[in-house]
Amino acid sequence: MKRVIKFRAWATDTKEMIPFDQMMIPEWFDDETIIIQQFTGLLDKNGKDIYEGDIIRKMYGASIPMFSVAWDDKRAMFIQNDGYNEPLHQLAPNSIEVAGDIYKNPDLIITK
């Protein structure tokens, strides 16, 4: 089995998403200006990569139709960051869509 490991980064100073392969090696950034996000290994219904920090829209009846993707250290897995925190991998790929991310589109997340 081959696992794809990819990253991207949010530059807090320029407010842009940078594919990790376009970033220079660590000397030019620090933890305060760059936020690294890992690829979950999952794709949405359009074949788009899902990264931690993405906002996902569920395409079926759900009490919480939008959630962000987060990493859960205790369970060592990506979760639906919606208060219920179910494992992300339990969702059917054809029923979810990347709607944005928590940095460029924070208004998409509905808080309780």
PDB file of N, CA and C in Angstrom:
ATOM      1  N   MET A   1       0.846  -1.185   0.000  1.00  0.00           N
ATOM      2  CA  MET A   1       0.000   0.000   0.000  1.00  0.00           C
ATOM      3  C   MET A   1       0.883   1.237   0.000  1.00  0.00           C
ATOM      4  N   LYS A   2       0.565   2.162  -0.862  1.00  0.00           N
ATOM      5  CA  LYS A   2       1.316   3.403  -0.957  1.00  0.00           C
ATOM      6  C   LYS A   2       0.481   4.541  -0.368  1.00  0.00           C
ATOM      7  N   ARG A   3       1.059   5.246   0.573  1.00  0.00           N
ATOM      8  CA  ARG A   3       0.361   6.361   1.220  1.00  0.00           C
ATOM      9  C   ARG A   3       0.964   7.661   0.711  1.00  0.00           C
ATOM     10  N   VAL A   4       0.113   8.589   0.290  1.00  0.00           N
ATOM     11  CA  VAL A   4       0.562   9.881  -0.211  1.00  0.00           C
ATOM     12  C   VAL A   4       0.692  10.843   0.958  1.00  0.00           C
ATOM     13  N   ILE A   5       1.867  11.433   1.099  1.00  0.00           N
ATOM     14  CA  ILE A   5       2.089  12.411   2.157  1.00  0.00           C
ATOM     15  C   ILE A   5       2.387  13.751   1.494  1.00  0.00           C
ATOM     16  N   LYS A   6       1.478  14.704   1.716  1.00  0.00           N
ATOM     17  CA  LYS A   6       1.611  16.040   1.130  1.00  0.00           C
ATOM     18  C   LYS A   6       1.271  17.070   2.189  1.00  0.00           C
ATOM     19  N   PHE A   7       1.737  18.263   1.968  1.00  0.00           N
ATOM     20  CA  PHE A   7       1.461  19.375   2.866  1.00  0.00           C
ATOM     21  C   PHE A   7       1.168  20.620   2.053  1.00  0.00           C
ATOM     22  N   ARG A   8       0.584  21.601   2.717  1.00  0.00           N
ATOM     23  CA  ARG A   8       0.467  22.950   2.195  1.00  0.00           C
ATOM     24  C   ARG A   8       0.668  23.865   3.389  1.00  0.00           C
ATOM     25  N   ALA A   9       0.784  25.152   3.148  1.00  0.00           N
ATOM     26  CA  ALA A   9       1.028  26.079   4.253  1.00  0.00           C
ATOM     27  C   ALA A   9       0.222  27.355   4.054  1.00  0.00           C
ATOM     28  N   TRP A  10      -0.287  27.896   5.152  1.00  0.00           N
ATOM     29  CA  TRP A  10      -0.970  29.193   5.154  1.00  0.00           C
ATOM     30  C   TRP A  10       0.036  30.214   5.661  1.00  0.00           C
ATOM     31  N   ALA A  11       0.288  31.234   4.842  1.00  0.00           N
ATOM     32  CA  ALA A  11       1.202  32.307   5.227  1.00  0.00           C
ATOM     33  C   ALA A  11       0.378  33.401   5.894  1.00  0.00           C
ATOM     34  N   THR A  12       0.538  33.557   7.195  1.00  0.00           N
ATOM     35  CA  THR A  12      -0.281  34.512   7.940  1.00  0.00           C
ATOM     36  C   THR A  12       0.056  35.954   7.592  1.00  0.00           C
ATOM     37  N   ASP A  13       1.279  36.204   7.152  1.00  0.00           N
ATOM     38  CA  ASP A  13       1.667  37.579   6.831  1.00  0.00           C
ATOM     39  C   ASP A  13       1.135  38.026   5.470  1.00  0.00           C
ATOM     40  N   THR A  14       1.136  37.144   4.465  1.00  0.00           N
ATOM     41  CA  THR A  14       0.662  37.518   3.130  1.00  0.00           C
ATOM     42  C   THR A  14      -0.757  37.036   2.850  1.00  0.00           C
ATOM     43  N   LYS A  15      -1.320  36.238   3.774  1.00  0.00           N
ATOM     44  CA  LYS A  15      -2.693  35.713   3.647  1.00  0.00           C
ATOM     45  C   LYS A  15      -2.877  34.911   2.357  1.00  0.00           C
ATOM     46  N   GLU A  16      -1.934  33.998   2.115  1.00  0.00           N
ATOM     47  CA  GLU A  16      -2.047  33.150   0.936  1.00  0.00           C
ATOM     48  C   GLU A  16      -1.694  31.706   1.284  1.00  0.00           C
ATOM     49  N   MET A  17      -2.302  30.776   0.531  1.00  0.00           N
ATOM     50  CA  MET A  17      -2.029  29.364   0.688  1.00  0.00           C
ATOM     51  C   MET A  17      -0.888  29.006  -0.252  1.00  0.00           C
ATOM     52  N   ILE A  18       0.090  28.294   0.272  1.00  0.00           N
ATOM     53  CA  ILE A  18       1.278  27.944  -0.501  1.00  0.00           C
ATOM     54  C   ILE A  18       1.397  26.425  -0.553  1.00  0.00           C
ATOM     55  N   PRO A  19       1.428  25.850  -1.766  1.00  0.00           N
ATOM     56  CA  PRO A  19       1.708  24.416  -1.839  1.00  0.00           C
ATOM     57  C   PRO A  19       3.095  24.160  -1.259  1.00  0.00           C
ATOM     58  N   PHE A  20       3.225  23.124  -0.477  1.00  0.00           N
ATOM     59  CA  PHE A  20       4.473  22.889   0.242  1.00  0.00           C
ATOM     60  C   PHE A  20       5.659  22.732  -0.690  1.00  0.00           C
ATOM     61  N   ASP A  21       5.433  22.159  -1.869  1.00  0.00           N
ATOM     62  CA  ASP A  21       6.549  21.973  -2.796  1.00  0.00           C
ATOM     63  C   ASP A  21       7.052  23.291  -3.381  1.00  0.00           C
ATOM     64  N   GLN A  22       6.321  24.377  -3.185  1.00  0.00           N
ATOM     65  CA  GLN A  22       6.766  25.691  -3.644  1.00  0.00           C
ATOM     66  C   GLN A  22       7.417  26.504  -2.533  1.00  0.00           C
ATOM     67  N   MET A  23       7.442  25.943  -1.340  1.00  0.00           N
ATOM     68  CA  MET A  23       8.045  26.649  -0.218  1.00  0.00           C
ATOM     69  C   MET A  23       9.537  26.393  -0.187  1.00  0.00           C
ATOM     70  N   MET A  24      10.267  27.388   0.298  1.00  0.00           N
ATOM     71  CA  MET A  24      11.692  27.185   0.516  1.00  0.00           C
ATOM     72  C   MET A  24      11.860  26.439   1.836  1.00  0.00           C
ATOM     73  N   ILE A  25      12.977  25.860   2.027  1.00  0.00           N
ATOM     74  CA  ILE A  25      13.234  25.088   3.244  1.00  0.00           C
ATOM     75  C   ILE A  25      13.276  26.022   4.447  1.00  0.00           C
ATOM     76  N   PRO A  26      12.973  25.508   5.620  1.00  0.00           N
ATOM     77  CA  PRO A  26      12.619  26.216   6.842  1.00  0.00           C
ATOM     78  C   PRO A  26      13.326  27.510   7.242  1.00  0.00           C
ATOM     79  N   GLU A  27      14.497  27.812   6.717  1.00  0.00           N
ATOM     80  CA  GLU A  27      15.186  29.006   7.193  1.00  0.00           C
ATOM     81  C   GLU A  27      14.376  30.294   7.022  1.00  0.00           C
ATOM     82  N   TRP A  28      13.494  30.349   6.030  1.00  0.00           N
ATOM     83  CA  TRP A  28      12.806  31.610   5.747  1.00  0.00           C
ATOM     84  C   TRP A  28      11.460  31.760   6.447  1.00  0.00           C
ATOM     85  N   PHE A  29      11.031  30.769   7.222  1.00  0.00           N
ATOM     86  CA  PHE A  29       9.773  30.943   7.948  1.00  0.00           C
ATOM     87  C   PHE A  29       9.898  30.461   9.389  1.00  0.00           C
ATOM     88  N   ASP A  30       8.982  30.927  10.203  1.00  0.00           N
ATOM     89  CA  ASP A  30       8.915  30.449  11.583  1.00  0.00           C
ATOM     90  C   ASP A  30       7.476  30.104  11.919  1.00  0.00           C
ATOM     91  N   ASP A  31       7.265  29.550  13.075  1.00  0.00           N
ATOM     92  CA  ASP A  31       5.926  29.083  13.449  1.00  0.00           C
ATOM     93  C   ASP A  31       4.889  30.189  13.507  1.00  0.00           C
ATOM     94  N   GLU A  32       5.316  31.427  13.614  1.00  0.00           N
ATOM     95  CA  GLU A  32       4.361  32.530  13.731  1.00  0.00           C
ATOM     96  C   GLU A  32       3.856  33.021  12.379  1.00  0.00           C
ATOM     97  N   THR A  33       4.550  32.729  11.301  1.00  0.00           N
ATOM     98  CA  THR A  33       4.116  33.233  10.002  1.00  0.00           C
ATOM     99  C   THR A  33       3.609  32.153   9.063  1.00  0.00           C
ATOM    100  N   ILE A  34       3.908  30.904   9.345  1.00  0.00           N
ATOM    101  CA  ILE A  34       3.500  29.803   8.478  1.00  0.00           C
ATOM    102  C   ILE A  34       2.768  28.739   9.304  1.00  0.00           C
ATOM    103  N   ILE A  35       1.611  28.323   8.809  1.00  0.00           N
ATOM    104  CA  ILE A  35       0.852  27.249   9.454  1.00  0.00           C
ATOM    105  C   ILE A  35       0.815  26.073   8.479  1.00  0.00           C
ATOM    106  N   ILE A  36       1.479  24.990   8.851  1.00  0.00           N
ATOM    107  CA  ILE A  36       1.571  23.803   8.005  1.00  0.00           C
ATOM    108  C   ILE A  36       0.311  22.960   8.170  1.00  0.00           C
ATOM    109  N   GLN A  37      -0.220  22.482   7.042  1.00  0.00           N
ATOM    110  CA  GLN A  37      -1.417  21.637   7.046  1.00  0.00           C
ATOM    111  C   GLN A  37      -1.128  20.372   6.260  1.00  0.00           C
ATOM    112  N   GLN A  38      -1.548  19.240   6.801  1.00  0.00           N
ATOM    113  CA  GLN A  38      -1.280  17.953   6.174  1.00  0.00           C
ATOM    114  C   GLN A  38      -2.470  17.479   5.345  1.00  0.00           C
ATOM    115  N   PHE A  39      -2.162  16.824   4.238  1.00  0.00           N
ATOM    116  CA  PHE A  39      -3.152  16.158   3.405  1.00  0.00           C
ATOM    117  C   PHE A  39      -3.714  14.972   4.182  1.00  0.00           C
ATOM    118  N   THR A  40      -5.024  14.797   4.183  1.00  0.00           N
ATOM    119  CA  THR A  40      -5.660  13.722   4.949  1.00  0.00           C
ATOM    120  C   THR A  40      -5.580  12.367   4.255  1.00  0.00           C
ATOM    121  N   GLY A  41      -5.254  12.371   2.976  1.00  0.00           N
ATOM    122  CA  GLY A  41      -5.273  11.133   2.194  1.00  0.00           C
ATOM    123  C   GLY A  41      -6.618  10.895   1.549  1.00  0.00           C
ATOM    124  N   LEU A  42      -7.574  11.811   1.786  1.00  0.00           N
ATOM    125  CA  LEU A  42      -8.930  11.676   1.250  1.00  0.00           C
ATOM    126  C   LEU A  42      -9.204  12.730   0.190  1.00  0.00           C
ATOM    127  N   LEU A  43     -10.129  12.408  -0.705  1.00  0.00           N
ATOM    128  CA  LEU A  43     -10.570  13.324  -1.758  1.00  0.00           C
ATOM    129  C   LEU A  43     -12.062  13.571  -1.600  1.00  0.00           C
ATOM    130  N   ASP A  44     -12.520  14.754  -2.027  1.00  0.00           N
ATOM    131  CA  ASP A  44     -13.958  15.029  -1.987  1.00  0.00           C
ATOM    132  C   ASP A  44     -14.633  14.497  -3.249  1.00  0.00           C
ATOM    133  N   LYS A  45     -15.916  14.791  -3.419  1.00  0.00           N
ATOM    134  CA  LYS A  45     -16.683  14.255  -4.549  1.00  0.00           C
ATOM    135  C   LYS A  45     -16.175  14.741  -5.900  1.00  0.00           C
ATOM    136  N   ASN A  46     -15.416  15.846  -5.907  1.00  0.00           N
ATOM    137  CA  ASN A  46     -14.853  16.390  -7.142  1.00  0.00           C
ATOM    138  C   ASN A  46     -13.406  15.964  -7.367  1.00  0.00           C
ATOM    139  N   GLY A  47     -12.899  15.096  -6.504  1.00  0.00           N
ATOM    140  CA  GLY A  47     -11.525  14.643  -6.628  1.00  0.00           C
ATOM    141  C   GLY A  47     -10.506  15.626  -6.060  1.00  0.00           C
ATOM    142  N   LYS A  48     -10.980  16.601  -5.269  1.00  0.00           N
ATOM    143  CA  LYS A  48     -10.088  17.596  -4.676  1.00  0.00           C
ATOM    144  C   LYS A  48      -9.496  17.058  -3.376  1.00  0.00           C
ATOM    145  N   ASP A  49      -8.191  17.279  -3.190  1.00  0.00           N
ATOM    146  CA  ASP A  49      -7.515  16.874  -1.958  1.00  0.00           C
ATOM    147  C   ASP A  49      -8.153  17.544  -0.748  1.00  0.00           C
ATOM    148  N   ILE A  50      -8.267  16.811   0.349  1.00  0.00           N
ATOM    149  CA  ILE A  50      -8.778  17.364   1.600  1.00  0.00           C
ATOM    150  C   ILE A  50      -7.611  17.500   2.575  1.00  0.00           C
ATOM    151  N   TYR A  51      -7.396  18.726   3.061  1.00  0.00           N
ATOM    152  CA  TYR A  51      -6.318  19.023   4.000  1.00  0.00           C
ATOM    153  C   TYR A  51      -6.903  19.411   5.355  1.00  0.00           C
ATOM    154  N   GLU A  52      -6.084  19.264   6.389  1.00  0.00           N
ATOM    155  CA  GLU A  52      -6.492  19.755   7.694  1.00  0.00           C
ATOM    156  C   GLU A  52      -6.670  21.268   7.544  1.00  0.00           C
ATOM    157  N   GLY A  53      -7.707  21.809   8.172  1.00  0.00           N
ATOM    158  CA  GLY A  53      -8.036  23.223   8.032  1.00  0.00           C
ATOM    159  C   GLY A  53      -9.060  23.504   6.944  1.00  0.00           C
ATOM    160  N   ASP A  54      -9.364  22.512   6.099  1.00  0.00           N
ATOM    161  CA  ASP A  54     -10.397  22.699   5.078  1.00  0.00           C
ATOM    162  C   ASP A  54     -11.769  22.721   5.732  1.00  0.00           C
ATOM    163  N   ILE A  55     -12.687  23.407   5.079  1.00  0.00           N
ATOM    164  CA  ILE A  55     -14.088  23.406   5.494  1.00  0.00           C
ATOM    165  C   ILE A  55     -14.832  22.506   4.517  1.00  0.00           C
ATOM    166  N   ILE A  56     -15.530  21.532   5.075  1.00  0.00           N
ATOM    167  CA  ILE A  56     -16.210  20.513   4.285  1.00  0.00           C
ATOM    168  C   ILE A  56     -17.718  20.708   4.376  1.00  0.00           C
ATOM    169  N   ARG A  57     -18.375  20.576   3.230  1.00  0.00           N
ATOM    170  CA  ARG A  57     -19.844  20.632   3.148  1.00  0.00           C
ATOM    171  C   ARG A  57     -20.342  19.205   2.958  1.00  0.00           C
ATOM    172  N   LYS A  58     -21.240  18.773   3.853  1.00  0.00           N
ATOM    173  CA  LYS A  58     -21.876  17.466   3.695  1.00  0.00           C
ATOM    174  C   LYS A  58     -23.020  17.627   2.706  1.00  0.00           C
ATOM    175  N   MET A  59     -23.104  16.738   1.753  1.00  0.00           N
ATOM    176  CA  MET A  59     -24.096  16.844   0.692  1.00  0.00           C
ATOM    177  C   MET A  59     -25.366  16.036   0.984  1.00  0.00           C
ATOM    178  N   TYR A  60     -25.583  15.688   2.233  1.00  0.00           N
ATOM    179  CA  TYR A  60     -26.771  14.937   2.615  1.00  0.00           C
ATOM    180  C   TYR A  60     -27.308  15.516   3.913  1.00  0.00           C
ATOM    181  N   GLY A  61     -28.524  15.145   4.293  1.00  0.00           N
ATOM    182  CA  GLY A  61     -29.153  15.686   5.483  1.00  0.00           C
ATOM    183  C   GLY A  61     -28.289  15.502   6.719  1.00  0.00           C
ATOM    184  N   ALA A  62     -27.862  16.606   7.294  1.00  0.00           N
ATOM    185  CA  ALA A  62     -27.018  16.534   8.486  1.00  0.00           C
ATOM    186  C   ALA A  62     -27.374  17.700   9.399  1.00  0.00           C
ATOM    187  N   SER A  63     -27.303  17.467  10.690  1.00  0.00           N
ATOM    188  CA  SER A  63     -27.607  18.548  11.621  1.00  0.00           C
ATOM    189  C   SER A  63     -26.545  19.635  11.559  1.00  0.00           C
ATOM    190  N   ILE A  64     -25.326  19.259  11.208  1.00  0.00           N
ATOM    191  CA  ILE A  64     -24.248  20.228  11.033  1.00  0.00           C
ATOM    192  C   ILE A  64     -23.709  20.040   9.616  1.00  0.00           C
ATOM    193  N   PRO A  65     -24.194  20.859   8.650  1.00  0.00           N
ATOM    194  CA  PRO A  65     -23.838  20.647   7.248  1.00  0.00           C
ATOM    195  C   PRO A  65     -22.412  21.052   6.872  1.00  0.00           C
ATOM    196  N   MET A  66     -21.745  21.860   7.700  1.00  0.00           N
ATOM    197  CA  MET A  66     -20.380  22.308   7.402  1.00  0.00           C
ATOM    198  C   MET A  66     -19.515  22.086   8.637  1.00  0.00           C
ATOM    199  N   PHE A  67     -18.291  21.666   8.409  1.00  0.00           N
ATOM    200  CA  PHE A  67     -17.357  21.480   9.518  1.00  0.00           C
ATOM    201  C   PHE A  67     -15.940  21.679   9.001  1.00  0.00           C
ATOM    202  N   SER A  68     -15.031  21.930   9.904  1.00  0.00           N
ATOM    203  CA  SER A  68     -13.623  22.013   9.515  1.00  0.00           C
ATOM    204  C   SER A  68     -12.944  20.681   9.835  1.00  0.00           C
ATOM    205  N   VAL A  69     -11.852  20.430   9.142  1.00  0.00           N
ATOM    206  CA  VAL A  69     -11.067  19.214   9.345  1.00  0.00           C
ATOM    207  C   VAL A  69      -9.956  19.537  10.338  1.00  0.00           C
ATOM    208  N   ALA A  70      -9.797  18.683  11.337  1.00  0.00           N
ATOM    209  CA  ALA A  70      -8.767  18.891  12.354  1.00  0.00           C
ATOM    210  C   ALA A  70      -8.078  17.575  12.669  1.00  0.00           C
ATOM    211  N   TRP A  71      -6.899  17.671  13.250  1.00  0.00           N
ATOM    212  CA  TRP A  71      -6.156  16.498  13.698  1.00  0.00           C
ATOM    213  C   TRP A  71      -6.430  16.296  15.177  1.00  0.00           C
ATOM    214  N   ASP A  72      -6.758  15.074  15.573  1.00  0.00           N
ATOM    215  CA  ASP A  72      -6.993  14.728  16.966  1.00  0.00           C
ATOM    216  C   ASP A  72      -5.777  13.956  17.472  1.00  0.00           C
ATOM    217  N   ASP A  73      -4.974  14.584  18.317  1.00  0.00           N
ATOM    218  CA  ASP A  73      -3.757  13.948  18.840  1.00  0.00           C
ATOM    219  C   ASP A  73      -4.050  12.694  19.648  1.00  0.00           C
ATOM    220  N   LYS A  74      -5.108  12.717  20.443  1.00  0.00           N
ATOM    221  CA  LYS A  74      -5.414  11.580  21.313  1.00  0.00           C
ATOM    222  C   LYS A  74      -5.763  10.319  20.528  1.00  0.00           C
ATOM    223  N   ARG A  75      -6.457  10.495  19.409  1.00  0.00           N
ATOM    224  CA  ARG A  75      -6.858   9.337  18.606  1.00  0.00           C
ATOM    225  C   ARG A  75      -5.972   9.134  17.382  1.00  0.00           C
ATOM    226  N   ALA A  76      -5.040  10.057  17.145  1.00  0.00           N
ATOM    227  CA  ALA A  76      -4.129   9.995  15.995  1.00  0.00           C
ATOM    228  C   ALA A  76      -4.897   9.821  14.689  1.00  0.00           C
ATOM    229  N   MET A  77      -5.847  10.747  14.442  1.00  0.00           N
ATOM    230  CA  MET A  77      -6.644  10.703  13.217  1.00  0.00           C
ATOM    231  C   MET A  77      -7.227  12.083  12.912  1.00  0.00           C
ATOM    232  N   PHE A  78      -7.598  12.268  11.642  1.00  0.00           N
ATOM    233  CA  PHE A  78      -8.297  13.482  11.247  1.00  0.00           C
ATOM    234  C   PHE A  78      -9.767  13.326  11.616  1.00  0.00           C
ATOM    235  N   ILE A  79     -10.366  14.427  12.103  1.00  0.00           N
ATOM    236  CA  ILE A  79     -11.750  14.375  12.566  1.00  0.00           C
ATOM    237  C   ILE A  79     -12.582  15.478  11.933  1.00  0.00           C
ATOM    238  N   GLN A  80     -13.900  15.310  12.056  1.00  0.00           N
ATOM    239  CA  GLN A  80     -14.857  16.347  11.694  1.00  0.00           C
ATOM    240  C   GLN A  80     -14.943  17.274  12.906  1.00  0.00           C
ATOM    241  N   ASN A  81     -14.375  18.450  12.823  1.00  0.00           N
ATOM    242  CA  ASN A  81     -14.322  19.373  13.954  1.00  0.00           C
ATOM    243  C   ASN A  81     -15.654  20.116  14.053  1.00  0.00           C
ATOM    244  N   ASP A  82     -16.654  19.407  14.573  1.00  0.00           N
ATOM    245  CA  ASP A  82     -18.012  19.951  14.603  1.00  0.00           C
ATOM    246  C   ASP A  82     -18.683  19.809  15.970  1.00  0.00           C
ATOM    247  N   GLY A  83     -17.921  19.465  16.980  1.00  0.00           N
ATOM    248  CA  GLY A  83     -18.493  19.249  18.301  1.00  0.00           C
ATOM    249  C   GLY A  83     -18.714  17.782  18.595  1.00  0.00           C
ATOM    250  N   TYR A  84     -18.960  16.992  17.548  1.00  0.00           N
ATOM    251  CA  TYR A  84     -19.114  15.545  17.716  1.00  0.00           C
ATOM    252  C   TYR A  84     -17.785  14.832  17.474  1.00  0.00           C
ATOM    253  N   ASN A  85     -16.954  15.434  16.635  1.00  0.00           N
ATOM    254  CA  ASN A  85     -15.586  14.972  16.375  1.00  0.00           C
ATOM    255  C   ASN A  85     -15.487  13.528  15.897  1.00  0.00           C
ATOM    256  N   GLU A  86     -16.360  13.167  14.974  1.00  0.00           N
ATOM    257  CA  GLU A  86     -16.321  11.829  14.385  1.00  0.00           C
ATOM    258  C   GLU A  86     -15.120  11.723  13.445  1.00  0.00           C
ATOM    259  N   PRO A  87     -14.606  10.511  13.243  1.00  0.00           N
ATOM    260  CA  PRO A  87     -13.481  10.329  12.319  1.00  0.00           C
ATOM    261  C   PRO A  87     -13.842  10.784  10.901  1.00  0.00           C
ATOM    262  N   LEU A  88     -12.950  11.493  10.280  1.00  0.00           N
ATOM    263  CA  LEU A  88     -13.189  11.998   8.928  1.00  0.00           C
ATOM    264  C   LEU A  88     -13.331  10.861   7.921  1.00  0.00           C
ATOM    265  N   HIS A  89     -12.559   9.810   8.098  1.00  0.00           N
ATOM    266  CA  HIS A  89     -12.550   8.717   7.120  1.00  0.00           C
ATOM    267  C   HIS A  89     -13.872   7.951   7.059  1.00  0.00           C
ATOM    268  N   GLN A  90     -14.802   8.196   7.982  1.00  0.00           N
ATOM    269  CA  GLN A  90     -16.089   7.502   7.955  1.00  0.00           C
ATOM    270  C   GLN A  90     -17.073   8.113   6.957  1.00  0.00           C
ATOM    271  N   LEU A  91     -16.756   9.277   6.427  1.00  0.00           N
ATOM    272  CA  LEU A  91     -17.649   9.922   5.467  1.00  0.00           C
ATOM    273  C   LEU A  91     -17.466   9.339   4.073  1.00  0.00           C
ATOM    274  N   ALA A  92     -18.548   9.216   3.340  1.00  0.00           N
ATOM    275  CA  ALA A  92     -18.476   8.742   1.959  1.00  0.00           C
ATOM    276  C   ALA A  92     -17.935   9.876   1.086  1.00  0.00           C
ATOM    277  N   PRO A  93     -16.861   9.639   0.341  1.00  0.00           N
ATOM    278  CA  PRO A  93     -16.243  10.704  -0.464  1.00  0.00           C
ATOM    279  C   PRO A  93     -17.198  11.367  -1.457  1.00  0.00           C
ATOM    280  N   ASN A  94     -18.164  10.613  -1.980  1.00  0.00           N
ATOM    281  CA  ASN A  94     -19.092  11.199  -2.950  1.00  0.00           C
ATOM    282  C   ASN A  94     -20.166  12.066  -2.295  1.00  0.00           C
ATOM    283  N   SER A  95     -20.128  12.190  -0.968  1.00  0.00           N
ATOM    284  CA  SER A  95     -21.144  12.992  -0.275  1.00  0.00           C
ATOM    285  C   SER A  95     -20.551  14.206   0.442  1.00  0.00           C
ATOM    286  N   ILE A  96     -19.278  14.515   0.169  1.00  0.00           N
ATOM    287  CA  ILE A  96     -18.646  15.674   0.802  1.00  0.00           C
ATOM    288  C   ILE A  96     -17.911  16.504  -0.259  1.00  0.00           C
ATOM    289  N   GLU A  97     -17.802  17.805   0.056  1.00  0.00           N
ATOM    290  CA  GLU A  97     -17.160  18.727  -0.884  1.00  0.00           C
ATOM    291  C   GLU A  97     -16.376  19.776  -0.107  1.00  0.00           C
ATOM    292  N   VAL A  98     -15.161  20.075  -0.573  1.00  0.00           N
ATOM    293  CA  VAL A  98     -14.371  21.141   0.036  1.00  0.00           C
ATOM    294  C   VAL A  98     -15.028  22.470  -0.343  1.00  0.00           C
ATOM    295  N   ALA A  99     -15.451  23.231   0.673  1.00  0.00           N
ATOM    296  CA  ALA A  99     -16.130  24.506   0.444  1.00  0.00           C
ATOM    297  C   ALA A  99     -15.181  25.692   0.619  1.00  0.00           C
ATOM    298  N   GLY A 100     -14.061  25.471   1.284  1.00  0.00           N
ATOM    299  CA  GLY A 100     -13.100  26.535   1.545  1.00  0.00           C
ATOM    300  C   GLY A 100     -12.145  26.072   2.623  1.00  0.00           C
ATOM    301  N   ASP A 101     -11.568  27.041   3.325  1.00  0.00           N
ATOM    302  CA  ASP A 101     -10.702  26.684   4.449  1.00  0.00           C
ATOM    303  C   ASP A 101     -10.877  27.702   5.570  1.00  0.00           C
ATOM    304  N   ILE A 102     -10.384  27.348   6.743  1.00  0.00           N
ATOM    305  CA  ILE A 102     -10.616  28.167   7.935  1.00  0.00           C
ATOM    306  C   ILE A 102      -9.884  29.498   7.901  1.00  0.00           C
ATOM    307  N   TYR A 103      -8.948  29.668   6.996  1.00  0.00           N
ATOM    308  CA  TYR A 103      -8.178  30.907   6.924  1.00  0.00           C
ATOM    309  C   TYR A 103      -8.805  31.909   5.961  1.00  0.00           C
ATOM    310  N   LYS A 104      -9.215  31.445   4.778  1.00  0.00           N
ATOM    311  CA  LYS A 104      -9.811  32.341   3.790  1.00  0.00           C
ATOM    312  C   LYS A 104     -11.321  32.470   3.932  1.00  0.00           C
ATOM    313  N   ASN A 105     -11.970  31.468   4.534  1.00  0.00           N
ATOM    314  CA  ASN A 105     -13.430  31.432   4.608  1.00  0.00           C
ATOM    315  C   ASN A 105     -13.958  31.109   5.994  1.00  0.00           C
ATOM    316  N   PRO A 106     -13.495  31.749   7.055  1.00  0.00           N
ATOM    317  CA  PRO A 106     -13.942  31.383   8.410  1.00  0.00           C
ATOM    318  C   PRO A 106     -15.436  31.586   8.616  1.00  0.00           C
ATOM    319  N   ASP A 107     -16.061  32.444   7.815  1.00  0.00           N
ATOM    320  CA  ASP A 107     -17.487  32.730   7.938  1.00  0.00           C
ATOM    321  C   ASP A 107     -18.358  31.523   7.530  1.00  0.00           C
ATOM    322  N   LEU A 108     -17.778  30.525   6.871  1.00  0.00           N
ATOM    323  CA  LEU A 108     -18.557  29.345   6.487  1.00  0.00           C
ATOM    324  C   LEU A 108     -18.882  28.435   7.659  1.00  0.00           C
ATOM    325  N   ILE A 109     -18.093  28.529   8.721  1.00  0.00           N
ATOM    326  CA  ILE A 109     -18.319  27.702   9.900  1.00  0.00           C
ATOM    327  C   ILE A 109     -19.378  28.343  10.785  1.00  0.00           C
ATOM    328  N   ILE A 110     -20.399  27.571  11.087  1.00  0.00           N
ATOM    329  CA  ILE A 110     -21.480  28.031  11.964  1.00  0.00           C
ATOM    330  C   ILE A 110     -21.132  27.601  13.383  1.00  0.00           C
ATOM    331  N   THR A 111     -21.032  28.562  14.276  1.00  0.00           N
ATOM    332  CA  THR A 111     -20.727  28.207  15.665  1.00  0.00           C
ATOM    333  C   THR A 111     -22.029  27.972  16.416  1.00  0.00           C
ATOM    334  N   LYS A 112     -21.934  27.129  17.416  1.00  0.00           N
ATOM    335  CA  LYS A 112     -23.134  26.780  18.200  1.00  0.00           C
ATOM    336  C   LYS A 112     -23.423  27.859  19.211  1.00  0.00           C
TER     337      LYS A 112
END
